[in-house]
Amino acid sequence: MAAMQLPPRRRRSGPHDQPNFPPRYNVAPTQPVPVVRLVDGKREFVLMRWGLLPAWVKDPRSVSLLIMARGDTVNAKPAFRAAMRRRRCLLPADGFYEWKQDGEKRRPHYIKLKSGGPMALAGLWETWTGPNGEEMDTVAVVTTRANRTLSPIHDRMPVVVPPDAFDLWLDCRRVDEQTASALIMPARDDLLETYEVSLAVNRTANDSAELIEPIREQESAISNQLSEQQSLF
């Protein structure tokens, strides 16, 4: 997963404060993403940079961009251990993209809830402080092994937190990291649907509703030609 599709302002996730942001259809790493976190017992809605920077990093250029956090190692890896204990969050999204390797080609697919509406992806956040005292909130998406729906496309998927478990994941004061880790599992096989979409999503400059429309057979043939042309360069 290297891109998300985000909803416009909504109240479904239950935050008390919401930033004003438009719908996005092709959010890439390092761009702002909406995040729900718990502050003083209340849900807070903020924007953070997608790509976690651990607080102990001196120079951001010295570390790889941490857009994903493998759920099986978040309690052990220094980059995520403290955030898993104290700074868990949710990322509301209407869907996300994944790319299927087909020989030398990579075909984009869009994944969303069968029931429609937004889902909540498990995340971890950190506040990075720069040498001049500047602060930046950053976030990574927690992943797990793919379920049967997504495994033909990719072997990993984001952790989708069900609504009745929001507080379990968000409340770091009352719920320790080992208990919260029980939520790090694949989504039910019948929860999500997926379909192939246009190669236009490969360009981060493209950001329109057409990106999430299913690709038709004729478009698929054109997409194949584009993919073959791209492989020549």
C-alpha atoms as a PDB file:
ATOM      1  CA  MET A   1       0.000   0.000   0.000  1.00  0.00           C
ATOM      2  CA  ALA A   2       1.544   3.275  -1.089  1.00  0.00           C
ATOM      3  CA  ALA A   3      -1.524   5.450  -1.593  1.00  0.00           C
ATOM      4  CA  MET A   4      -4.884   6.102   0.065  1.00  0.00           C
ATOM      5  CA  GLN A   5      -8.221   7.638  -0.855  1.00  0.00           C
ATOM      6  CA  LEU A   6      -9.527   9.925   1.867  1.00  0.00           C
ATOM      7  CA  PRO A   7     -13.066  11.122   2.613  1.00  0.00           C
ATOM      8  CA  PRO A   8     -14.056  14.771   3.060  1.00  0.00           C
ATOM      9  CA  ARG A   9     -15.006  16.083   6.508  1.00  0.00           C
ATOM     10  CA  ARG A  10     -17.230  13.620   8.354  1.00  0.00           C
ATOM     11  CA  ARG A  11     -18.524  12.939  11.841  1.00  0.00           C
ATOM     12  CA  ARG A  12     -18.624   9.157  11.568  1.00  0.00           C
ATOM     13  CA  SER A  13     -15.302   8.603  13.330  1.00  0.00           C
ATOM     14  CA  GLY A  14     -16.526  10.625  16.304  1.00  0.00           C
ATOM     15  CA  PRO A  15     -13.773  13.242  16.769  1.00  0.00           C
ATOM     16  CA  HIS A  16     -14.519  16.457  18.626  1.00  0.00           C
ATOM     17  CA  ASP A  17     -12.373  18.623  16.319  1.00  0.00           C
ATOM     18  CA  GLN A  18     -11.985  18.287  12.589  1.00  0.00           C
ATOM     19  CA  PRO A  19      -9.691  20.126  10.212  1.00  0.00           C
ATOM     20  CA  ASN A  20     -11.175  21.458   7.017  1.00  0.00           C
ATOM     21  CA  PHE A  21      -9.842  19.321   4.164  1.00  0.00           C
ATOM     22  CA  PRO A  22     -11.204  18.294   0.751  1.00  0.00           C
ATOM     23  CA  PRO A  23     -11.650  14.692  -0.412  1.00  0.00           C
ATOM     24  CA  ARG A  24      -8.449  13.144  -1.760  1.00  0.00           C
ATOM     25  CA  TYR A  25      -8.179  10.268  -4.211  1.00  0.00           C
ATOM     26  CA  ASN A  26      -4.441   9.694  -4.392  1.00  0.00           C
ATOM     27  CA  VAL A  27      -2.617  10.505  -1.174  1.00  0.00           C
ATOM     28  CA  ALA A  28       1.080   9.641  -1.306  1.00  0.00           C
ATOM     29  CA  PRO A  29       3.738   9.301   1.413  1.00  0.00           C
ATOM     30  CA  THR A  30       5.003  12.602   2.925  1.00  0.00           C
ATOM     31  CA  GLN A  31       1.612  14.233   2.254  1.00  0.00           C
ATOM     32  CA  PRO A  32      -0.838  15.185   5.062  1.00  0.00           C
ATOM     33  CA  VAL A  33      -3.339  12.536   6.146  1.00  0.00           C
ATOM     34  CA  PRO A  34      -6.231  12.825   8.656  1.00  0.00           C
ATOM     35  CA  VAL A  35      -5.625  11.098  11.961  1.00  0.00           C
ATOM     36  CA  VAL A  36      -7.815  10.438  15.007  1.00  0.00           C
ATOM     37  CA  ARG A  37      -6.012  10.190  18.350  1.00  0.00           C
ATOM     38  CA  LEU A  38      -7.029  10.294  21.997  1.00  0.00           C
ATOM     39  CA  VAL A  39      -5.981  13.387  23.976  1.00  0.00           C
ATOM     40  CA  ASP A  40      -7.044  13.734  27.623  1.00  0.00           C
ATOM     41  CA  GLY A  41      -9.729  11.120  27.092  1.00  0.00           C
ATOM     42  CA  LYS A  42     -11.244  12.860  24.035  1.00  0.00           C
ATOM     43  CA  ARG A  43     -10.882  12.031  20.374  1.00  0.00           C
ATOM     44  CA  GLU A  44      -8.971  14.658  18.433  1.00  0.00           C
ATOM     45  CA  PHE A  45      -8.890  14.962  14.640  1.00  0.00           C
ATOM     46  CA  VAL A  46      -5.606  16.294  13.187  1.00  0.00           C
ATOM     47  CA  LEU A  47      -3.515  16.201  10.038  1.00  0.00           C
ATOM     48  CA  MET A  48      -0.123  14.478  10.126  1.00  0.00           C
ATOM     49  CA  ARG A  49       2.619  13.758   7.631  1.00  0.00           C
ATOM     50  CA  TRP A  50       2.427  10.213   6.290  1.00  0.00           C
ATOM     51  CA  GLY A  51       5.867   8.788   7.024  1.00  0.00           C
ATOM     52  CA  LEU A  52       6.826   8.332  10.674  1.00  0.00           C
ATOM     53  CA  LEU A  53       9.958   9.930  12.082  1.00  0.00           C
ATOM     54  CA  PRO A  54      11.013   8.470  15.453  1.00  0.00           C
ATOM     55  CA  ALA A  55      11.557  11.160  18.087  1.00  0.00           C
ATOM     56  CA  TRP A  56      15.202  10.165  18.501  1.00  0.00           C
ATOM     57  CA  VAL A  57      16.117  10.833  14.851  1.00  0.00           C
ATOM     58  CA  LYS A  58      18.568  13.730  14.512  1.00  0.00           C
ATOM     59  CA  ASP A  59      18.563  14.085  10.732  1.00  0.00           C
ATOM     60  CA  PRO A  60      15.465  12.933   8.774  1.00  0.00           C
ATOM     61  CA  ARG A  61      17.670  12.356   5.738  1.00  0.00           C
ATOM     62  CA  SER A  62      19.522   9.629   7.636  1.00  0.00           C
ATOM     63  CA  VAL A  63      16.528   7.269   7.955  1.00  0.00           C
ATOM     64  CA  SER A  64      14.240   5.522   5.479  1.00  0.00           C
ATOM     65  CA  LEU A  65      10.684   6.775   5.142  1.00  0.00           C
ATOM     66  CA  LEU A  66       8.580   4.696   7.556  1.00  0.00           C
ATOM     67  CA  ILE A  67       5.135   4.702   5.932  1.00  0.00           C
ATOM     68  CA  MET A  68       4.271   1.188   7.179  1.00  0.00           C
ATOM     69  CA  ALA A  69       4.828  -0.583  10.482  1.00  0.00           C
ATOM     70  CA  ARG A  70       4.753  -4.389  10.402  1.00  0.00           C
ATOM     71  CA  GLY A  71       2.336  -5.488  13.103  1.00  0.00           C
ATOM     72  CA  ASP A  72       4.383  -8.530  14.057  1.00  0.00           C
ATOM     73  CA  THR A  73       7.370  -6.373  15.085  1.00  0.00           C
ATOM     74  CA  VAL A  74       5.882  -3.086  16.378  1.00  0.00           C
ATOM     75  CA  ASN A  75       6.435  -4.093  20.003  1.00  0.00           C
ATOM     76  CA  ALA A  76      10.096  -4.862  19.398  1.00  0.00           C
ATOM     77  CA  LYS A  77      11.436  -2.405  16.818  1.00  0.00           C
ATOM     78  CA  PRO A  78      12.911   0.785  18.340  1.00  0.00           C
ATOM     79  CA  ALA A  79      11.265   2.924  15.636  1.00  0.00           C
ATOM     80  CA  PHE A  80       7.742   1.870  16.703  1.00  0.00           C
ATOM     81  CA  ARG A  81       7.994   0.463  20.226  1.00  0.00           C
ATOM     82  CA  ALA A  82       7.308   3.708  22.111  1.00  0.00           C
ATOM     83  CA  ALA A  83       4.506   4.740  19.739  1.00  0.00           C
ATOM     84  CA  MET A  84       2.828   1.345  20.121  1.00  0.00           C
ATOM     85  CA  ARG A  85       2.867   1.872  23.865  1.00  0.00           C
ATOM     86  CA  ARG A  86       1.800   5.526  24.016  1.00  0.00           C
ATOM     87  CA  ARG A  87       0.735   6.913  20.628  1.00  0.00           C
ATOM     88  CA  ARG A  88      -1.703   4.681  18.769  1.00  0.00           C
ATOM     89  CA  CYS A  89      -4.135   6.326  16.351  1.00  0.00           C
ATOM     90  CA  LEU A  90      -6.651   5.700  13.559  1.00  0.00           C
ATOM     91  CA  LEU A  91      -6.546   6.862   9.952  1.00  0.00           C
ATOM     92  CA  PRO A  92     -10.016   7.252   8.388  1.00  0.00           C
ATOM     93  CA  ALA A  93     -10.053   6.309   4.696  1.00  0.00           C
ATOM     94  CA  ASP A  94     -12.677   5.382   2.132  1.00  0.00           C
ATOM     95  CA  GLY A  95     -10.196   2.986   0.567  1.00  0.00           C
ATOM     96  CA  PHE A  96      -6.604   2.287  -0.378  1.00  0.00           C
ATOM     97  CA  TYR A  97      -4.625   1.053  -3.352  1.00  0.00           C
ATOM     98  CA  GLU A  98      -2.460  -2.003  -3.745  1.00  0.00           C
ATOM     99  CA  TRP A  99      -0.410  -3.135  -6.724  1.00  0.00           C
ATOM    100  CA  LYS A 100      -0.451  -6.691  -8.069  1.00  0.00           C
ATOM    101  CA  GLN A 101       2.734  -7.965  -9.635  1.00  0.00           C
ATOM    102  CA  ASP A 102       1.909  -9.518 -13.004  1.00  0.00           C
ATOM    103  CA  GLY A 103       5.179 -10.578 -14.574  1.00  0.00           C
ATOM    104  CA  GLU A 104       7.077  -7.366 -15.168  1.00  0.00           C
ATOM    105  CA  LYS A 105       3.893  -5.302 -14.823  1.00  0.00           C
ATOM    106  CA  ARG A 106       2.318  -3.896 -11.660  1.00  0.00           C
ATOM    107  CA  ARG A 107      -1.443  -3.444 -11.827  1.00  0.00           C
ATOM    108  CA  PRO A 108      -3.125  -1.044  -9.362  1.00  0.00           C
ATOM    109  CA  HIS A 109      -6.202  -2.240  -7.458  1.00  0.00           C
ATOM    110  CA  TYR A 110      -8.583  -0.273  -5.260  1.00  0.00           C
ATOM    111  CA  ILE A 111      -9.778  -1.798  -1.973  1.00  0.00           C
ATOM    112  CA  LYS A 112     -12.834  -0.586  -0.061  1.00  0.00           C
ATOM    113  CA  LEU A 113     -15.538  -1.785   2.313  1.00  0.00           C
ATOM    114  CA  LYS A 114     -18.248  -3.840   0.636  1.00  0.00           C
ATOM    115  CA  SER A 115     -20.776  -1.891   2.665  1.00  0.00           C
ATOM    116  CA  GLY A 116     -19.390   1.462   1.512  1.00  0.00           C
ATOM    117  CA  GLY A 117     -18.355   4.343   3.739  1.00  0.00           C
ATOM    118  CA  PRO A 118     -15.066   4.967   5.529  1.00  0.00           C
ATOM    119  CA  MET A 119     -12.892   2.463   7.351  1.00  0.00           C
ATOM    120  CA  ALA A 120     -10.382   3.061  10.143  1.00  0.00           C
ATOM    121  CA  LEU A 121      -6.790   1.935   9.622  1.00  0.00           C
ATOM    122  CA  ALA A 122      -4.559   1.312  12.634  1.00  0.00           C
ATOM    123  CA  GLY A 123      -1.707   3.796  12.925  1.00  0.00           C
ATOM    124  CA  LEU A 124       1.183   4.893  15.137  1.00  0.00           C
ATOM    125  CA  TRP A 125       2.277   8.513  15.483  1.00  0.00           C
ATOM    126  CA  GLU A 126       5.256  10.456  16.771  1.00  0.00           C
ATOM    127  CA  THR A 127       6.146  14.111  17.185  1.00  0.00           C
ATOM    128  CA  TRP A 128       9.562  14.857  15.724  1.00  0.00           C
ATOM    129  CA  THR A 129      11.401  17.937  16.985  1.00  0.00           C
ATOM    130  CA  GLY A 130      13.955  19.568  14.711  1.00  0.00           C
ATOM    131  CA  PRO A 131      17.222  21.278  15.678  1.00  0.00           C
ATOM    132  CA  ASN A 132      15.533  24.701  15.777  1.00  0.00           C
ATOM    133  CA  GLY A 133      12.649  23.526  17.943  1.00  0.00           C
ATOM    134  CA  GLU A 134      10.222  23.010  15.056  1.00  0.00           C
ATOM    135  CA  GLU A 135       7.752  20.155  15.573  1.00  0.00           C
ATOM    136  CA  MET A 136       6.137  17.807  13.075  1.00  0.00           C
ATOM    137  CA  ASP A 137       3.562  15.098  13.783  1.00  0.00           C
ATOM    138  CA  THR A 138       4.184  12.015  11.658  1.00  0.00           C
ATOM    139  CA  VAL A 139       2.333   8.718  11.270  1.00  0.00           C
ATOM    140  CA  ALA A 140       2.736   5.179   9.927  1.00  0.00           C
ATOM    141  CA  VAL A 141       0.062   2.617   9.025  1.00  0.00           C
ATOM    142  CA  VAL A 142       0.194  -0.722  10.847  1.00  0.00           C
ATOM    143  CA  THR A 143       0.092  -3.739   8.531  1.00  0.00           C
ATOM    144  CA  THR A 144      -0.537  -7.456   8.866  1.00  0.00           C
ATOM    145  CA  ARG A 145      -0.697 -10.476   6.580  1.00  0.00           C
ATOM    146  CA  ALA A 146      -3.259 -10.272   3.807  1.00  0.00           C
ATOM    147  CA  ASN A 147      -6.626 -12.008   4.093  1.00  0.00           C
ATOM    148  CA  ARG A 148      -7.991 -14.276   1.353  1.00  0.00           C
ATOM    149  CA  THR A 149      -9.543 -11.350  -0.480  1.00  0.00           C
ATOM    150  CA  LEU A 150      -6.276  -9.445  -0.820  1.00  0.00           C
ATOM    151  CA  SER A 151      -3.714 -12.266  -0.907  1.00  0.00           C
ATOM    152  CA  PRO A 152      -4.024 -12.720  -4.710  1.00  0.00           C
ATOM    153  CA  ILE A 153      -2.892  -9.076  -5.002  1.00  0.00           C
ATOM    154  CA  HIS A 154      -0.353  -8.668  -2.192  1.00  0.00           C
ATOM    155  CA  ASP A 155       0.894 -10.557   0.864  1.00  0.00           C
ATOM    156  CA  ARG A 156       0.325  -7.622   3.276  1.00  0.00           C
ATOM    157  CA  MET A 157      -2.594  -5.336   4.129  1.00  0.00           C
ATOM    158  CA  PRO A 158      -3.346  -2.476   6.552  1.00  0.00           C
ATOM    159  CA  VAL A 159      -4.957  -3.392   9.869  1.00  0.00           C
ATOM    160  CA  VAL A 160      -8.636  -2.398   9.661  1.00  0.00           C
ATOM    161  CA  VAL A 161      -9.953  -1.618  13.162  1.00  0.00           C
ATOM    162  CA  PRO A 162     -13.682  -2.372  13.661  1.00  0.00           C
ATOM    163  CA  PRO A 163     -15.796   0.429  15.203  1.00  0.00           C
ATOM    164  CA  ASP A 164     -16.385  -1.477  18.450  1.00  0.00           C
ATOM    165  CA  ALA A 165     -12.609  -1.666  18.983  1.00  0.00           C
ATOM    166  CA  PHE A 166     -11.758   2.011  18.370  1.00  0.00           C
ATOM    167  CA  ASP A 167     -11.338   2.762  22.075  1.00  0.00           C
ATOM    168  CA  LEU A 168      -9.311  -0.397  22.632  1.00  0.00           C
ATOM    169  CA  TRP A 169      -6.785   0.768  20.057  1.00  0.00           C
ATOM    170  CA  LEU A 170      -6.817   4.484  20.918  1.00  0.00           C
ATOM    171  CA  ASP A 171      -6.760   4.384  24.729  1.00  0.00           C
ATOM    172  CA  CYS A 172      -3.067   4.000  25.490  1.00  0.00           C
ATOM    173  CA  ARG A 173      -3.528   4.864  29.165  1.00  0.00           C
ATOM    174  CA  ARG A 174      -5.933   2.045  29.971  1.00  0.00           C
ATOM    175  CA  VAL A 175      -4.939  -0.485  27.300  1.00  0.00           C
ATOM    176  CA  ASP A 176      -1.335  -1.674  27.123  1.00  0.00           C
ATOM    177  CA  GLU A 177       0.441  -2.485  23.903  1.00  0.00           C
ATOM    178  CA  GLN A 178       0.185  -6.253  24.340  1.00  0.00           C
ATOM    179  CA  THR A 179      -3.589  -6.101  24.716  1.00  0.00           C
ATOM    180  CA  ALA A 180      -3.923  -3.706  21.765  1.00  0.00           C
ATOM    181  CA  SER A 181      -1.802  -6.085  19.686  1.00  0.00           C
ATOM    182  CA  ALA A 182      -4.744  -8.503  19.643  1.00  0.00           C
ATOM    183  CA  LEU A 183      -6.315  -6.193  17.032  1.00  0.00           C
ATOM    184  CA  ILE A 184      -3.390  -6.680  14.651  1.00  0.00           C
ATOM    185  CA  MET A 185      -4.965  -9.275  12.402  1.00  0.00           C
ATOM    186  CA  PRO A 186      -6.293  -9.518   8.837  1.00  0.00           C
ATOM    187  CA  ALA A 187      -9.765  -8.151   8.139  1.00  0.00           C
ATOM    188  CA  ARG A 188     -12.594 -10.631   7.696  1.00  0.00           C
ATOM    189  CA  ASP A 189     -12.566 -12.176   4.231  1.00  0.00           C
ATOM    190  CA  ASP A 190     -16.056 -10.816   3.502  1.00  0.00           C
ATOM    191  CA  LEU A 191     -15.379  -7.246   4.688  1.00  0.00           C
ATOM    192  CA  LEU A 192     -13.585  -5.782   1.663  1.00  0.00           C
ATOM    193  CA  GLU A 193     -13.886  -5.776  -2.088  1.00  0.00           C
ATOM    194  CA  THR A 194     -11.206  -5.054  -4.654  1.00  0.00           C
ATOM    195  CA  TYR A 195     -11.021  -4.267  -8.357  1.00  0.00           C
ATOM    196  CA  GLU A 196      -8.444  -3.119 -10.877  1.00  0.00           C
ATOM    197  CA  VAL A 197      -8.171   0.599 -11.599  1.00  0.00           C
ATOM    198  CA  SER A 198      -6.386   2.798 -14.120  1.00  0.00           C
ATOM    199  CA  LEU A 199      -2.611   3.197 -14.261  1.00  0.00           C
ATOM    200  CA  ALA A 200      -3.292   6.916 -13.853  1.00  0.00           C
ATOM    201  CA  VAL A 201      -3.057   6.383 -10.097  1.00  0.00           C
ATOM    202  CA  ASN A 202       0.680   5.817 -10.540  1.00  0.00           C
ATOM    203  CA  ARG A 203       1.108   9.572 -10.979  1.00  0.00           C
ATOM    204  CA  THR A 204       0.712  11.381  -7.668  1.00  0.00           C
ATOM    205  CA  ALA A 205      -0.303  14.535  -9.569  1.00  0.00           C
ATOM    206  CA  ASN A 206      -3.522  12.760 -10.570  1.00  0.00           C
ATOM    207  CA  ASP A 207      -6.125  13.221  -7.841  1.00  0.00           C
ATOM    208  CA  SER A 208      -9.706  12.848  -9.059  1.00  0.00           C
ATOM    209  CA  ALA A 209     -12.700  10.575  -8.474  1.00  0.00           C
ATOM    210  CA  GLU A 210     -12.034   8.794 -11.780  1.00  0.00           C
ATOM    211  CA  LEU A 211      -9.043   7.080 -10.187  1.00  0.00           C
ATOM    212  CA  ILE A 212     -11.264   4.806  -8.081  1.00  0.00           C
ATOM    213  CA  GLU A 213     -13.549   3.739 -10.925  1.00  0.00           C
ATOM    214  CA  PRO A 214     -13.234   0.080 -12.028  1.00  0.00           C
ATOM    215  CA  ILE A 215     -11.214  -0.352 -15.166  1.00  0.00           C
ATOM    216  CA  ARG A 216     -13.159  -1.673 -18.151  1.00  0.00           C
ATOM    217  CA  GLU A 217     -11.907  -4.338 -20.541  1.00  0.00           C
ATOM    218  CA  GLN A 218     -11.064  -1.820 -23.251  1.00  0.00           C
ATOM    219  CA  GLU A 219      -9.247   0.365 -20.745  1.00  0.00           C
ATOM    220  CA  SER A 220      -7.453  -2.722 -19.454  1.00  0.00           C
ATOM    221  CA  ALA A 221      -6.025  -3.317 -22.931  1.00  0.00           C
ATOM    222  CA  ILE A 222      -4.853   0.301 -23.107  1.00  0.00           C
ATOM    223  CA  SER A 223      -3.440  -0.057 -19.595  1.00  0.00           C
ATOM    224  CA  ASN A 224      -1.482  -3.110 -20.753  1.00  0.00           C
ATOM    225  CA  GLN A 225      -0.002  -1.122 -23.629  1.00  0.00           C
ATOM    226  CA  LEU A 226       0.978   1.732 -21.312  1.00  0.00           C
ATOM    227  CA  SER A 227       2.563  -0.714 -18.896  1.00  0.00           C
ATOM    228  CA  GLU A 228       4.565  -2.311 -21.715  1.00  0.00           C
ATOM    229  CA  GLN A 229       5.719   1.110 -22.916  1.00  0.00           C
ATOM    230  CA  GLN A 230       6.769   2.110 -19.412  1.00  0.00           C
ATOM    231  CA  SER A 231       8.799  -1.086 -19.050  1.00  0.00           C
ATOM    232  CA  LEU A 232      10.925  -0.017 -22.041  1.00  0.00           C
ATOM    233  CA  PHE A 233      12.330   2.995 -20.191  1.00  0.00           C
END
